[in-house]
Amino acid sequence: MGLTAEQIRTSLDALAKVEPVIGKSLLMTGYPEPRIRERGYATLLRTIVGQQVSVKAADAVWNRLCEALGEIENPASMTGASDETLRSAGLSRQKNGYARSLAELTATGALDFGSLPEDDEEAIAALTSVKGIGRWSAEIYLLFAEGRPDIWPAGDLAVQIAVGRLFGLDERPDEKQVRAIAERWSPHRGAAAIFAWHSYKMEVI
């Protein structure tokens, strides 16, 4: 499971002491709600389904996929399904390949969600061995499903925008800059990411 509300609050309070702009922003926006997902195969499969489509479209495909496969949490249901079945559920040819890659690695034990490496970078490497899973998707999984406290998805557009606003930068910082800015926030960067999304949403509203 992801970081709890108590963990987020504790981390952000610690960050506010080393980064005054975070403390000031917290007073205006308040603490963010937890973002928690189930640990395991189905959550990463859901990530693949949701790539580059709207939430509504992803939900529709996911529901059809659940109906077509039955035991959606069992990777064998994916590896045993025909291409036609997956196409009729709404999976593109590309996502079909990604989903099968995930299912096969999980079914064979090559990817074990119950024992991913403790080192974050090693865990990211294990997850990105799946076709279609890049660093961002791996980081989101580790943050939301495993609650790893120091995950920092610096390549996320909303995180970049929020960090730029936080520090009053004229231009949106790139991934390299965002990683550099947050180096001193370790080991609380997971909570900082959740706060960045919260701050971004509040600014948009």
N, C-alpha and C. Protein backbone atom coordinates (compact mmCIF):
# COMPACT_ATOMS: atom_id res chain seq x y z
N MET A 1 0.84 -1.20 0.00
CA MET A 1 0.00 0.00 0.00
C MET A 1 0.87 1.25 0.00
N GLY A 2 0.29 2.36 -0.35
CA GLY A 2 1.02 3.60 -0.45
C GLY A 2 1.28 4.25 0.90
N LEU A 3 1.84 5.44 0.86
CA LEU A 3 2.10 6.19 2.09
C LEU A 3 0.78 6.56 2.77
N THR A 4 0.72 6.39 4.08
CA THR A 4 -0.49 6.74 4.83
C THR A 4 -0.54 8.25 5.05
N ALA A 5 -1.71 8.72 5.48
CA ALA A 5 -1.87 10.15 5.76
C ALA A 5 -0.89 10.59 6.85
N GLU A 6 -0.68 9.73 7.85
CA GLU A 6 0.24 10.06 8.94
C GLU A 6 1.68 10.15 8.44
N GLN A 7 2.07 9.21 7.58
CA GLN A 7 3.42 9.24 7.01
C GLN A 7 3.65 10.49 6.17
N ILE A 8 2.64 10.84 5.37
CA ILE A 8 2.75 12.03 4.52
C ILE A 8 2.90 13.28 5.38
N ARG A 9 2.08 13.37 6.41
CA ARG A 9 2.11 14.54 7.29
C ARG A 9 3.47 14.65 8.00
N THR A 10 3.96 13.53 8.52
CA THR A 10 5.25 13.53 9.22
C THR A 10 6.38 13.94 8.29
N SER A 11 6.38 13.41 7.07
CA SER A 11 7.43 13.74 6.11
C SER A 11 7.37 15.20 5.69
N LEU A 12 6.17 15.70 5.45
CA LEU A 12 6.04 17.09 5.02
C LEU A 12 6.41 18.06 6.14
N ASP A 13 6.10 17.70 7.37
CA ASP A 13 6.52 18.54 8.50
C ASP A 13 8.04 18.59 8.59
N ALA A 14 8.69 17.44 8.32
CA ALA A 14 10.15 17.39 8.33
C ALA A 14 10.71 18.23 7.19
N LEU A 15 10.08 18.14 6.02
CA LEU A 15 10.54 18.91 4.86
C LEU A 15 10.37 20.41 5.08
N ALA A 16 9.30 20.80 5.74
CA ALA A 16 9.03 22.22 5.98
C ALA A 16 10.15 22.87 6.79
N LYS A 17 10.84 22.06 7.59
CA LYS A 17 11.92 22.59 8.42
C LYS A 17 13.19 22.84 7.61
N VAL A 18 13.37 22.07 6.54
CA VAL A 18 14.59 22.25 5.72
C VAL A 18 14.32 23.05 4.45
N GLU A 19 13.03 23.18 4.10
CA GLU A 19 12.65 23.92 2.88
C GLU A 19 11.48 24.84 3.21
N PRO A 20 11.78 26.08 3.63
CA PRO A 20 10.72 27.01 4.08
C PRO A 20 9.59 27.21 3.07
N VAL A 21 9.90 27.13 1.75
CA VAL A 21 8.83 27.35 0.77
C VAL A 21 7.78 26.25 0.83
N ILE A 22 8.19 25.05 1.25
CA ILE A 22 7.22 23.96 1.41
C ILE A 22 6.33 24.26 2.61
N GLY A 23 6.92 24.73 3.70
CA GLY A 23 6.13 25.09 4.87
C GLY A 23 5.12 26.18 4.56
N LYS A 24 5.54 27.17 3.80
CA LYS A 24 4.65 28.27 3.42
C LYS A 24 3.50 27.77 2.54
N SER A 25 3.83 26.90 1.58
CA SER A 25 2.82 26.35 0.68
C SER A 25 1.84 25.46 1.44
N LEU A 26 2.35 24.71 2.43
CA LEU A 26 1.49 23.84 3.24
C LEU A 26 0.41 24.64 3.95
N LEU A 27 0.78 25.81 4.42
CA LEU A 27 -0.19 26.66 5.12
C LEU A 27 -1.33 27.08 4.20
N MET A 28 -1.02 27.21 2.91
CA MET A 28 -2.04 27.65 1.95
C MET A 28 -2.88 26.50 1.41
N THR A 29 -2.25 25.37 1.17
CA THR A 29 -2.95 24.27 0.50
C THR A 29 -3.40 23.14 1.43
N GLY A 30 -2.77 23.04 2.60
CA GLY A 30 -3.07 21.94 3.50
C GLY A 30 -2.37 20.67 3.07
N TYR A 31 -2.57 19.62 3.84
CA TYR A 31 -1.91 18.35 3.55
C TYR A 31 -2.68 17.57 2.49
N PRO A 32 -1.96 16.87 1.63
CA PRO A 32 -2.64 16.07 0.58
C PRO A 32 -3.21 14.77 1.12
N GLU A 33 -4.17 14.23 0.40
CA GLU A 33 -4.73 12.93 0.73
C GLU A 33 -3.79 11.83 0.23
N PRO A 34 -3.79 10.68 0.89
CA PRO A 34 -2.94 9.57 0.43
C PRO A 34 -3.38 9.09 -0.96
N ARG A 35 -2.44 8.53 -1.68
CA ARG A 35 -2.72 7.90 -2.98
C ARG A 35 -2.28 6.45 -2.85
N ILE A 36 -3.23 5.56 -2.71
CA ILE A 36 -2.92 4.17 -2.40
C ILE A 36 -3.50 3.23 -3.45
N ARG A 37 -2.67 2.31 -3.92
CA ARG A 37 -3.09 1.28 -4.87
C ARG A 37 -2.73 -0.09 -4.31
N GLU A 38 -3.39 -1.12 -4.83
CA GLU A 38 -3.07 -2.49 -4.43
C GLU A 38 -1.70 -2.88 -4.96
N ARG A 39 -0.96 -3.62 -4.16
CA ARG A 39 0.33 -4.12 -4.62
C ARG A 39 0.11 -5.32 -5.55
N GLY A 40 0.86 -5.39 -6.64
CA GLY A 40 0.81 -6.59 -7.46
C GLY A 40 0.58 -6.38 -8.95
N TYR A 41 0.45 -7.49 -9.60
CA TYR A 41 0.33 -7.58 -11.06
C TYR A 41 -0.80 -6.73 -11.62
N ALA A 42 -1.99 -6.83 -11.02
CA ALA A 42 -3.17 -6.16 -11.58
C ALA A 42 -3.00 -4.65 -11.64
N THR A 43 -2.33 -4.08 -10.65
CA THR A 43 -2.13 -2.63 -10.64
C THR A 43 -1.23 -2.18 -11.78
N LEU A 44 -0.18 -2.94 -12.06
CA LEU A 44 0.71 -2.57 -13.17
C LEU A 44 0.02 -2.81 -14.51
N LEU A 45 -0.81 -3.85 -14.59
CA LEU A 45 -1.60 -4.08 -15.80
C LEU A 45 -2.55 -2.92 -16.03
N ARG A 46 -3.13 -2.44 -14.97
CA ARG A 46 -4.06 -1.29 -15.07
C ARG A 46 -3.32 -0.05 -15.56
N THR A 47 -2.06 0.08 -15.18
CA THR A 47 -1.24 1.19 -15.65
C THR A 47 -1.03 1.11 -17.16
N ILE A 48 -0.77 -0.08 -17.66
CA ILE A 48 -0.59 -0.28 -19.10
C ILE A 48 -1.86 0.08 -19.85
N VAL A 49 -2.99 -0.38 -19.34
CA VAL A 49 -4.29 -0.11 -19.98
C VAL A 49 -4.55 1.40 -20.06
N GLY A 50 -4.10 2.13 -19.03
CA GLY A 50 -4.40 3.56 -18.96
C GLY A 50 -3.44 4.46 -19.71
N GLN A 51 -2.40 3.90 -20.30
CA GLN A 51 -1.41 4.73 -20.98
C GLN A 51 -2.00 5.45 -22.19
N GLN A 52 -1.79 6.78 -22.23
CA GLN A 52 -2.13 7.63 -23.38
C GLN A 52 -3.61 7.64 -23.75
N VAL A 53 -4.48 7.34 -22.78
CA VAL A 53 -5.92 7.46 -23.02
C VAL A 53 -6.54 8.16 -21.82
N SER A 54 -7.75 8.65 -21.99
CA SER A 54 -8.43 9.32 -20.88
C SER A 54 -8.80 8.32 -19.79
N VAL A 55 -9.06 8.83 -18.61
CA VAL A 55 -9.47 7.96 -17.50
C VAL A 55 -10.75 7.21 -17.85
N LYS A 56 -11.68 7.89 -18.50
CA LYS A 56 -12.96 7.27 -18.87
C LYS A 56 -12.73 6.12 -19.85
N ALA A 57 -11.89 6.36 -20.85
CA ALA A 57 -11.61 5.31 -21.84
C ALA A 57 -10.88 4.14 -21.20
N ALA A 58 -9.93 4.43 -20.31
CA ALA A 58 -9.19 3.38 -19.62
C ALA A 58 -10.12 2.53 -18.76
N ASP A 59 -11.05 3.18 -18.08
CA ASP A 59 -12.01 2.45 -17.25
C ASP A 59 -12.86 1.51 -18.09
N ALA A 60 -13.27 1.99 -19.26
CA ALA A 60 -14.12 1.18 -20.14
C ALA A 60 -13.36 -0.06 -20.63
N VAL A 61 -12.11 0.13 -21.04
CA VAL A 61 -11.29 -1.00 -21.51
C VAL A 61 -11.04 -1.97 -20.36
N TRP A 62 -10.73 -1.43 -19.20
CA TRP A 62 -10.45 -2.28 -18.04
C TRP A 62 -11.67 -3.15 -17.69
N ASN A 63 -12.83 -2.55 -17.71
CA ASN A 63 -14.05 -3.30 -17.38
C ASN A 63 -14.32 -4.41 -18.40
N ARG A 64 -14.09 -4.11 -19.68
CA ARG A 64 -14.28 -5.14 -20.71
C ARG A 64 -13.24 -6.25 -20.58
N LEU A 65 -12.03 -5.84 -20.20
CA LEU A 65 -10.96 -6.81 -20.03
C LEU A 65 -11.27 -7.74 -18.84
N CYS A 66 -11.75 -7.16 -17.77
CA CYS A 66 -12.14 -7.97 -16.59
C CYS A 66 -13.21 -8.98 -16.96
N GLU A 67 -14.18 -8.53 -17.75
CA GLU A 67 -15.27 -9.41 -18.17
C GLU A 67 -14.76 -10.51 -19.10
N ALA A 68 -13.85 -10.16 -20.00
CA ALA A 68 -13.35 -11.13 -20.98
C ALA A 68 -12.43 -12.17 -20.35
N LEU A 69 -11.62 -11.74 -19.39
CA LEU A 69 -10.61 -12.63 -18.83
C LEU A 69 -11.06 -13.35 -17.56
N GLY A 70 -12.05 -12.79 -16.90
CA GLY A 70 -12.51 -13.42 -15.66
C GLY A 70 -11.57 -13.09 -14.50
N GLU A 71 -10.61 -13.95 -14.24
CA GLU A 71 -9.67 -13.72 -13.14
C GLU A 71 -8.56 -12.77 -13.60
N ILE A 72 -8.87 -11.49 -13.56
CA ILE A 72 -7.95 -10.49 -14.08
C ILE A 72 -6.64 -10.46 -13.30
N GLU A 73 -6.67 -10.84 -12.02
CA GLU A 73 -5.47 -10.79 -11.19
C GLU A 73 -4.55 -11.98 -11.41
N ASN A 74 -5.01 -12.95 -12.19
CA ASN A 74 -4.20 -14.13 -12.49
C ASN A 74 -3.53 -13.93 -13.85
N PRO A 75 -2.20 -13.81 -13.90
CA PRO A 75 -1.54 -13.56 -15.20
C PRO A 75 -1.80 -14.66 -16.23
N ALA A 76 -2.14 -15.86 -15.77
CA ALA A 76 -2.41 -16.96 -16.70
C ALA A 76 -3.63 -16.67 -17.57
N SER A 77 -4.56 -15.86 -17.05
CA SER A 77 -5.74 -15.51 -17.84
C SER A 77 -5.37 -14.63 -19.02
N MET A 78 -4.29 -13.85 -18.87
CA MET A 78 -3.80 -13.00 -19.95
C MET A 78 -3.00 -13.83 -20.95
N THR A 79 -2.09 -14.66 -20.45
CA THR A 79 -1.24 -15.43 -21.35
C THR A 79 -2.06 -16.44 -22.16
N GLY A 80 -3.21 -16.87 -21.60
CA GLY A 80 -4.04 -17.85 -22.29
C GLY A 80 -5.08 -17.25 -23.21
N ALA A 81 -5.22 -15.92 -23.19
CA ALA A 81 -6.24 -15.26 -24.01
C ALA A 81 -5.73 -15.08 -25.44
N SER A 82 -6.64 -15.13 -26.39
CA SER A 82 -6.27 -14.92 -27.79
C SER A 82 -6.12 -13.43 -28.08
N ASP A 83 -5.39 -13.12 -29.14
CA ASP A 83 -5.24 -11.72 -29.55
C ASP A 83 -6.59 -11.11 -29.87
N GLU A 84 -7.47 -11.91 -30.45
CA GLU A 84 -8.81 -11.43 -30.81
C GLU A 84 -9.60 -11.03 -29.57
N THR A 85 -9.47 -11.84 -28.51
CA THR A 85 -10.17 -11.53 -27.26
C THR A 85 -9.69 -10.19 -26.68
N LEU A 86 -8.38 -9.99 -26.71
CA LEU A 86 -7.82 -8.76 -26.16
C LEU A 86 -8.16 -7.55 -27.03
N ARG A 87 -8.18 -7.74 -28.34
CA ARG A 87 -8.56 -6.64 -29.25
C ARG A 87 -10.02 -6.25 -29.03
N SER A 88 -10.86 -7.25 -28.88
CA SER A 88 -12.29 -6.95 -28.70
C SER A 88 -12.56 -6.25 -27.37
N ALA A 89 -11.65 -6.45 -26.40
CA ALA A 89 -11.78 -5.75 -25.12
C ALA A 89 -11.29 -4.31 -25.22
N GLY A 90 -10.55 -4.01 -26.30
CA GLY A 90 -10.10 -2.63 -26.51
C GLY A 90 -8.61 -2.42 -26.41
N LEU A 91 -7.83 -3.51 -26.24
CA LEU A 91 -6.38 -3.36 -26.17
C LEU A 91 -5.81 -3.21 -27.58
N SER A 92 -5.00 -2.21 -27.78
CA SER A 92 -4.32 -2.03 -29.07
C SER A 92 -3.28 -3.13 -29.24
N ARG A 93 -2.77 -3.26 -30.45
CA ARG A 93 -1.74 -4.26 -30.70
C ARG A 93 -0.51 -4.03 -29.81
N GLN A 94 -0.15 -2.76 -29.66
CA GLN A 94 1.01 -2.41 -28.84
C GLN A 94 0.78 -2.77 -27.37
N LYS A 95 -0.37 -2.38 -26.84
CA LYS A 95 -0.66 -2.68 -25.43
C LYS A 95 -0.85 -4.18 -25.21
N ASN A 96 -1.33 -4.88 -26.23
CA ASN A 96 -1.43 -6.33 -26.17
C ASN A 96 -0.04 -6.91 -25.87
N GLY A 97 0.95 -6.43 -26.59
CA GLY A 97 2.32 -6.89 -26.39
C GLY A 97 2.83 -6.55 -25.00
N TYR A 98 2.52 -5.34 -24.54
CA TYR A 98 2.96 -4.92 -23.21
C TYR A 98 2.32 -5.79 -22.13
N ALA A 99 1.00 -6.01 -22.26
CA ALA A 99 0.26 -6.79 -21.27
C ALA A 99 0.76 -8.23 -21.22
N ARG A 100 1.05 -8.80 -22.38
CA ARG A 100 1.57 -10.17 -22.42
C ARG A 100 2.97 -10.25 -21.81
N SER A 101 3.79 -9.23 -22.04
CA SER A 101 5.12 -9.19 -21.45
C SER A 101 5.02 -9.21 -19.93
N LEU A 102 4.15 -8.37 -19.39
CA LEU A 102 3.94 -8.32 -17.94
C LEU A 102 3.44 -9.65 -17.40
N ALA A 103 2.44 -10.22 -18.08
CA ALA A 103 1.85 -11.47 -17.62
C ALA A 103 2.87 -12.61 -17.64
N GLU A 104 3.66 -12.68 -18.70
CA GLU A 104 4.64 -13.77 -18.83
C GLU A 104 5.75 -13.65 -17.78
N LEU A 105 6.25 -12.43 -17.56
CA LEU A 105 7.29 -12.24 -16.56
C LEU A 105 6.77 -12.56 -15.16
N THR A 106 5.49 -12.22 -14.91
CA THR A 106 4.90 -12.50 -13.61
C THR A 106 4.64 -13.98 -13.43
N ALA A 107 4.07 -14.60 -14.46
CA ALA A 107 3.73 -16.03 -14.38
C ALA A 107 4.95 -16.91 -14.19
N THR A 108 6.05 -16.53 -14.81
CA THR A 108 7.27 -17.35 -14.71
C THR A 108 8.08 -17.05 -13.46
N GLY A 109 7.69 -15.99 -12.74
CA GLY A 109 8.42 -15.63 -11.53
C GLY A 109 9.61 -14.73 -11.79
N ALA A 110 9.83 -14.37 -13.06
CA ALA A 110 10.93 -13.46 -13.38
C ALA A 110 10.71 -12.09 -12.74
N LEU A 111 9.44 -11.72 -12.58
CA LEU A 111 9.06 -10.50 -11.87
C LEU A 111 8.19 -10.91 -10.70
N ASP A 112 8.70 -10.71 -9.50
CA ASP A 112 7.99 -11.12 -8.28
C ASP A 112 7.60 -9.88 -7.49
N PHE A 113 6.32 -9.54 -7.51
CA PHE A 113 5.86 -8.33 -6.84
C PHE A 113 5.97 -8.44 -5.32
N GLY A 114 6.07 -9.66 -4.82
CA GLY A 114 6.18 -9.85 -3.38
C GLY A 114 7.58 -9.65 -2.85
N SER A 115 8.55 -9.61 -3.74
CA SER A 115 9.94 -9.46 -3.29
C SER A 115 10.76 -8.64 -4.26
N LEU A 116 10.28 -7.46 -4.60
CA LEU A 116 11.08 -6.55 -5.42
C LEU A 116 12.30 -6.11 -4.61
N PRO A 117 13.41 -5.80 -5.28
CA PRO A 117 14.61 -5.36 -4.55
C PRO A 117 14.32 -4.19 -3.62
N GLU A 118 14.97 -4.18 -2.48
CA GLU A 118 14.77 -3.09 -1.52
C GLU A 118 15.33 -1.78 -2.05
N ASP A 119 16.41 -1.86 -2.80
CA ASP A 119 16.99 -0.66 -3.40
C ASP A 119 16.04 -0.12 -4.46
N ASP A 120 15.70 1.15 -4.36
CA ASP A 120 14.70 1.73 -5.27
C ASP A 120 15.13 1.64 -6.73
N GLU A 121 16.37 1.95 -7.03
CA GLU A 121 16.83 1.91 -8.42
C GLU A 121 16.80 0.49 -8.97
N GLU A 122 17.12 -0.48 -8.14
CA GLU A 122 17.06 -1.88 -8.58
C GLU A 122 15.62 -2.31 -8.80
N ALA A 123 14.72 -1.83 -7.96
CA ALA A 123 13.29 -2.14 -8.12
C ALA A 123 12.76 -1.51 -9.41
N ILE A 124 13.17 -0.29 -9.70
CA ILE A 124 12.76 0.38 -10.94
C ILE A 124 13.26 -0.41 -12.14
N ALA A 125 14.50 -0.88 -12.06
CA ALA A 125 15.07 -1.68 -13.16
C ALA A 125 14.28 -2.96 -13.37
N ALA A 126 13.85 -3.60 -12.28
CA ALA A 126 13.06 -4.83 -12.39
C ALA A 126 11.72 -4.56 -13.07
N LEU A 127 11.07 -3.48 -12.69
CA LEU A 127 9.76 -3.16 -13.26
C LEU A 127 9.86 -2.72 -14.72
N THR A 128 10.93 -2.01 -15.05
CA THR A 128 11.07 -1.55 -16.43
C THR A 128 11.56 -2.65 -17.37
N SER A 129 11.77 -3.84 -16.83
CA SER A 129 12.06 -4.99 -17.70
C SER A 129 10.81 -5.40 -18.47
N VAL A 130 9.65 -4.94 -18.01
CA VAL A 130 8.39 -5.19 -18.71
C VAL A 130 8.29 -4.24 -19.89
N LYS A 131 7.96 -4.77 -21.06
CA LYS A 131 7.76 -3.92 -22.24
C LYS A 131 6.64 -2.91 -21.95
N GLY A 132 6.90 -1.66 -22.26
CA GLY A 132 5.87 -0.64 -22.09
C GLY A 132 5.87 0.03 -20.73
N ILE A 133 6.68 -0.47 -19.80
CA ILE A 133 6.77 0.16 -18.48
C ILE A 133 8.07 0.95 -18.42
N GLY A 134 7.94 2.27 -18.39
CA GLY A 134 9.10 3.14 -18.30
C GLY A 134 9.37 3.55 -16.87
N ARG A 135 10.32 4.42 -16.70
CA ARG A 135 10.71 4.83 -15.35
C ARG A 135 9.55 5.48 -14.60
N TRP A 136 8.80 6.35 -15.26
CA TRP A 136 7.69 7.04 -14.59
C TRP A 136 6.67 6.04 -14.05
N SER A 137 6.26 5.08 -14.88
CA SER A 137 5.27 4.08 -14.44
C SER A 137 5.80 3.26 -13.27
N ALA A 138 7.08 2.91 -13.34
CA ALA A 138 7.69 2.15 -12.25
C ALA A 138 7.71 2.96 -10.96
N GLU A 139 8.06 4.23 -11.06
CA GLU A 139 8.10 5.09 -9.87
C GLU A 139 6.72 5.26 -9.27
N ILE A 140 5.71 5.45 -10.11
CA ILE A 140 4.35 5.61 -9.62
C ILE A 140 3.90 4.34 -8.89
N TYR A 141 4.22 3.19 -9.46
CA TYR A 141 3.86 1.93 -8.80
C TYR A 141 4.53 1.83 -7.42
N LEU A 142 5.82 2.09 -7.37
CA LEU A 142 6.55 1.96 -6.11
C LEU A 142 6.06 2.95 -5.05
N LEU A 143 5.60 4.10 -5.48
CA LEU A 143 5.10 5.11 -4.55
C LEU A 143 3.68 4.78 -4.08
N PHE A 144 2.80 4.49 -5.01
CA PHE A 144 1.39 4.29 -4.67
C PHE A 144 1.06 2.89 -4.16
N ALA A 145 1.76 1.87 -4.67
CA ALA A 145 1.43 0.50 -4.29
C ALA A 145 2.34 -0.05 -3.18
N GLU A 146 3.57 0.46 -3.12
CA GLU A 146 4.49 -0.03 -2.09
C GLU A 146 4.78 1.00 -1.01
N GLY A 147 4.41 2.24 -1.27
CA GLY A 147 4.62 3.27 -0.26
C GLY A 147 6.09 3.53 0.04
N ARG A 148 6.92 3.43 -0.99
CA ARG A 148 8.35 3.70 -0.77
C ARG A 148 8.53 5.20 -0.53
N PRO A 149 9.13 5.57 0.58
CA PRO A 149 9.11 6.98 1.02
C PRO A 149 9.98 7.95 0.25
N ASP A 150 10.95 7.44 -0.54
CA ASP A 150 11.88 8.37 -1.17
C ASP A 150 11.80 8.36 -2.70
N ILE A 151 10.70 7.86 -3.24
CA ILE A 151 10.52 7.85 -4.69
C ILE A 151 10.22 9.28 -5.17
N TRP A 152 10.91 9.68 -6.22
CA TRP A 152 10.76 11.06 -6.72
C TRP A 152 10.62 11.04 -8.25
N PRO A 153 9.37 11.04 -8.77
CA PRO A 153 9.13 11.01 -10.22
C PRO A 153 9.38 12.36 -10.87
N ALA A 154 10.65 12.69 -11.01
CA ALA A 154 11.03 14.02 -11.50
C ALA A 154 10.66 14.25 -12.96
N GLY A 155 10.36 13.18 -13.69
CA GLY A 155 9.97 13.33 -15.08
C GLY A 155 8.50 13.66 -15.26
N ASP A 156 7.75 13.70 -14.17
CA ASP A 156 6.32 13.98 -14.24
C ASP A 156 6.08 15.47 -14.50
N LEU A 157 5.26 15.77 -15.50
CA LEU A 157 5.02 17.16 -15.90
C LEU A 157 4.42 17.99 -14.76
N ALA A 158 3.42 17.45 -14.06
CA ALA A 158 2.78 18.20 -12.97
C ALA A 158 3.76 18.46 -11.83
N VAL A 159 4.62 17.50 -11.54
CA VAL A 159 5.64 17.68 -10.50
C VAL A 159 6.59 18.81 -10.91
N GLN A 160 7.00 18.82 -12.16
CA GLN A 160 7.90 19.86 -12.65
C GLN A 160 7.25 21.24 -12.55
N ILE A 161 5.99 21.32 -12.95
CA ILE A 161 5.28 22.61 -12.89
C ILE A 161 5.14 23.07 -11.45
N ALA A 162 4.76 22.14 -10.56
CA ALA A 162 4.57 22.49 -9.15
C ALA A 162 5.87 22.95 -8.51
N VAL A 163 6.98 22.29 -8.82
CA VAL A 163 8.28 22.69 -8.27
C VAL A 163 8.68 24.06 -8.80
N GLY A 164 8.43 24.30 -10.08
CA GLY A 164 8.72 25.61 -10.66
C GLY A 164 7.94 26.71 -9.98
N ARG A 165 6.67 26.46 -9.71
CA ARG A 165 5.83 27.46 -9.03
C ARG A 165 6.30 27.66 -7.59
N LEU A 166 6.65 26.56 -6.95
CA LEU A 166 7.06 26.60 -5.55
C LEU A 166 8.25 27.53 -5.36
N PHE A 167 9.18 27.49 -6.32
CA PHE A 167 10.39 28.30 -6.20
C PHE A 167 10.34 29.57 -7.06
N GLY A 168 9.18 29.85 -7.65
CA GLY A 168 9.03 31.07 -8.42
C GLY A 168 9.92 31.14 -9.65
N LEU A 169 10.14 30.00 -10.29
CA LEU A 169 10.99 29.97 -11.47
C LEU A 169 10.25 30.50 -12.70
N ASP A 170 10.96 31.16 -13.58
CA ASP A 170 10.34 31.75 -14.77
C ASP A 170 9.93 30.67 -15.77
N GLU A 171 10.69 29.58 -15.83
CA GLU A 171 10.39 28.50 -16.76
C GLU A 171 10.27 27.18 -16.00
N ARG A 172 9.49 26.27 -16.56
CA ARG A 172 9.34 24.96 -15.94
C ARG A 172 10.68 24.23 -15.93
N PRO A 173 11.12 23.78 -14.76
CA PRO A 173 12.40 23.06 -14.71
C PRO A 173 12.28 21.69 -15.37
N ASP A 174 13.38 21.21 -15.94
CA ASP A 174 13.34 19.89 -16.57
C ASP A 174 13.61 18.81 -15.52
N GLU A 175 13.62 17.56 -15.98
CA GLU A 175 13.79 16.44 -15.04
C GLU A 175 15.10 16.53 -14.26
N LYS A 176 16.18 16.86 -14.95
CA LYS A 176 17.48 16.95 -14.29
C LYS A 176 17.47 18.02 -13.21
N GLN A 177 16.87 19.16 -13.51
CA GLN A 177 16.82 20.25 -12.53
C GLN A 177 15.95 19.87 -11.33
N VAL A 178 14.83 19.23 -11.61
CA VAL A 178 13.91 18.84 -10.53
C VAL A 178 14.57 17.80 -9.61
N ARG A 179 15.34 16.88 -10.19
CA ARG A 179 16.06 15.91 -9.37
C ARG A 179 17.09 16.62 -8.49
N ALA A 180 17.78 17.59 -9.07
CA ALA A 180 18.82 18.32 -8.31
C ALA A 180 18.19 19.12 -7.16
N ILE A 181 17.07 19.79 -7.44
CA ILE A 181 16.40 20.59 -6.42
C ILE A 181 16.00 19.73 -5.22
N ALA A 182 15.54 18.51 -5.51
CA ALA A 182 14.98 17.65 -4.46
C ALA A 182 16.01 16.76 -3.76
N GLU A 183 17.26 16.86 -4.13
CA GLU A 183 18.27 15.99 -3.52
C GLU A 183 18.29 16.12 -2.00
N ARG A 184 18.16 17.33 -1.51
CA ARG A 184 18.23 17.53 -0.07
C ARG A 184 16.93 17.19 0.65
N TRP A 185 15.92 16.78 -0.11
CA TRP A 185 14.65 16.38 0.50
C TRP A 185 14.62 14.92 0.91
N SER A 186 15.63 14.17 0.47
CA SER A 186 15.71 12.76 0.83
C SER A 186 15.81 12.63 2.37
N PRO A 187 15.13 11.69 3.00
CA PRO A 187 14.39 10.54 2.45
C PRO A 187 12.87 10.75 2.39
N HIS A 188 12.44 11.97 2.14
CA HIS A 188 11.01 12.29 2.17
C HIS A 188 10.45 12.68 0.81
N ARG A 189 11.12 12.28 -0.27
CA ARG A 189 10.71 12.77 -1.58
C ARG A 189 9.39 12.17 -2.06
N GLY A 190 9.00 11.02 -1.55
CA GLY A 190 7.70 10.46 -1.92
C GLY A 190 6.56 11.37 -1.48
N ALA A 191 6.63 11.83 -0.24
CA ALA A 191 5.61 12.76 0.27
C ALA A 191 5.68 14.08 -0.49
N ALA A 192 6.89 14.49 -0.85
CA ALA A 192 7.05 15.73 -1.62
C ALA A 192 6.37 15.61 -2.98
N ALA A 193 6.45 14.43 -3.61
CA ALA A 193 5.79 14.22 -4.90
C ALA A 193 4.28 14.31 -4.75
N ILE A 194 3.75 13.66 -3.72
CA ILE A 194 2.30 13.70 -3.48
C ILE A 194 1.85 15.13 -3.20
N PHE A 195 2.68 15.87 -2.47
CA PHE A 195 2.37 17.27 -2.20
C PHE A 195 2.44 18.10 -3.47
N ALA A 196 3.39 17.78 -4.35
CA ALA A 196 3.51 18.52 -5.62
C ALA A 196 2.25 18.36 -6.46
N TRP A 197 1.73 17.13 -6.55
CA TRP A 197 0.49 16.91 -7.31
C TRP A 197 -0.68 17.65 -6.66
N HIS A 198 -0.71 17.62 -5.35
CA HIS A 198 -1.76 18.32 -4.60
C HIS A 198 -1.68 19.82 -4.86
N SER A 199 -0.48 20.36 -4.81
CA SER A 199 -0.26 21.78 -5.03
C SER A 199 -0.62 22.16 -6.47
N TYR A 200 -0.23 21.33 -7.41
CA TYR A 200 -0.54 21.58 -8.82
C TYR A 200 -2.04 21.64 -9.04
N LYS A 201 -2.76 20.69 -8.47
CA LYS A 201 -4.21 20.63 -8.61
C LYS A 201 -4.86 21.86 -7.99
N MET A 202 -4.39 22.27 -6.83
CA MET A 202 -4.96 23.45 -6.15
C MET A 202 -4.75 24.71 -6.99
N GLU A 203 -3.54 24.79 -7.62
CA GLU A 203 -3.23 25.96 -8.47
C GLU A 203 -4.15 25.98 -9.69
N VAL A 204 -4.36 24.81 -10.29
CA VAL A 204 -5.21 24.72 -11.48
C VAL A 204 -6.63 25.12 -11.14
N ILE A 205 -7.12 24.63 -9.99
CA ILE A 205 -8.49 24.97 -9.58
C ILE A 205 -8.58 26.45 -9.25
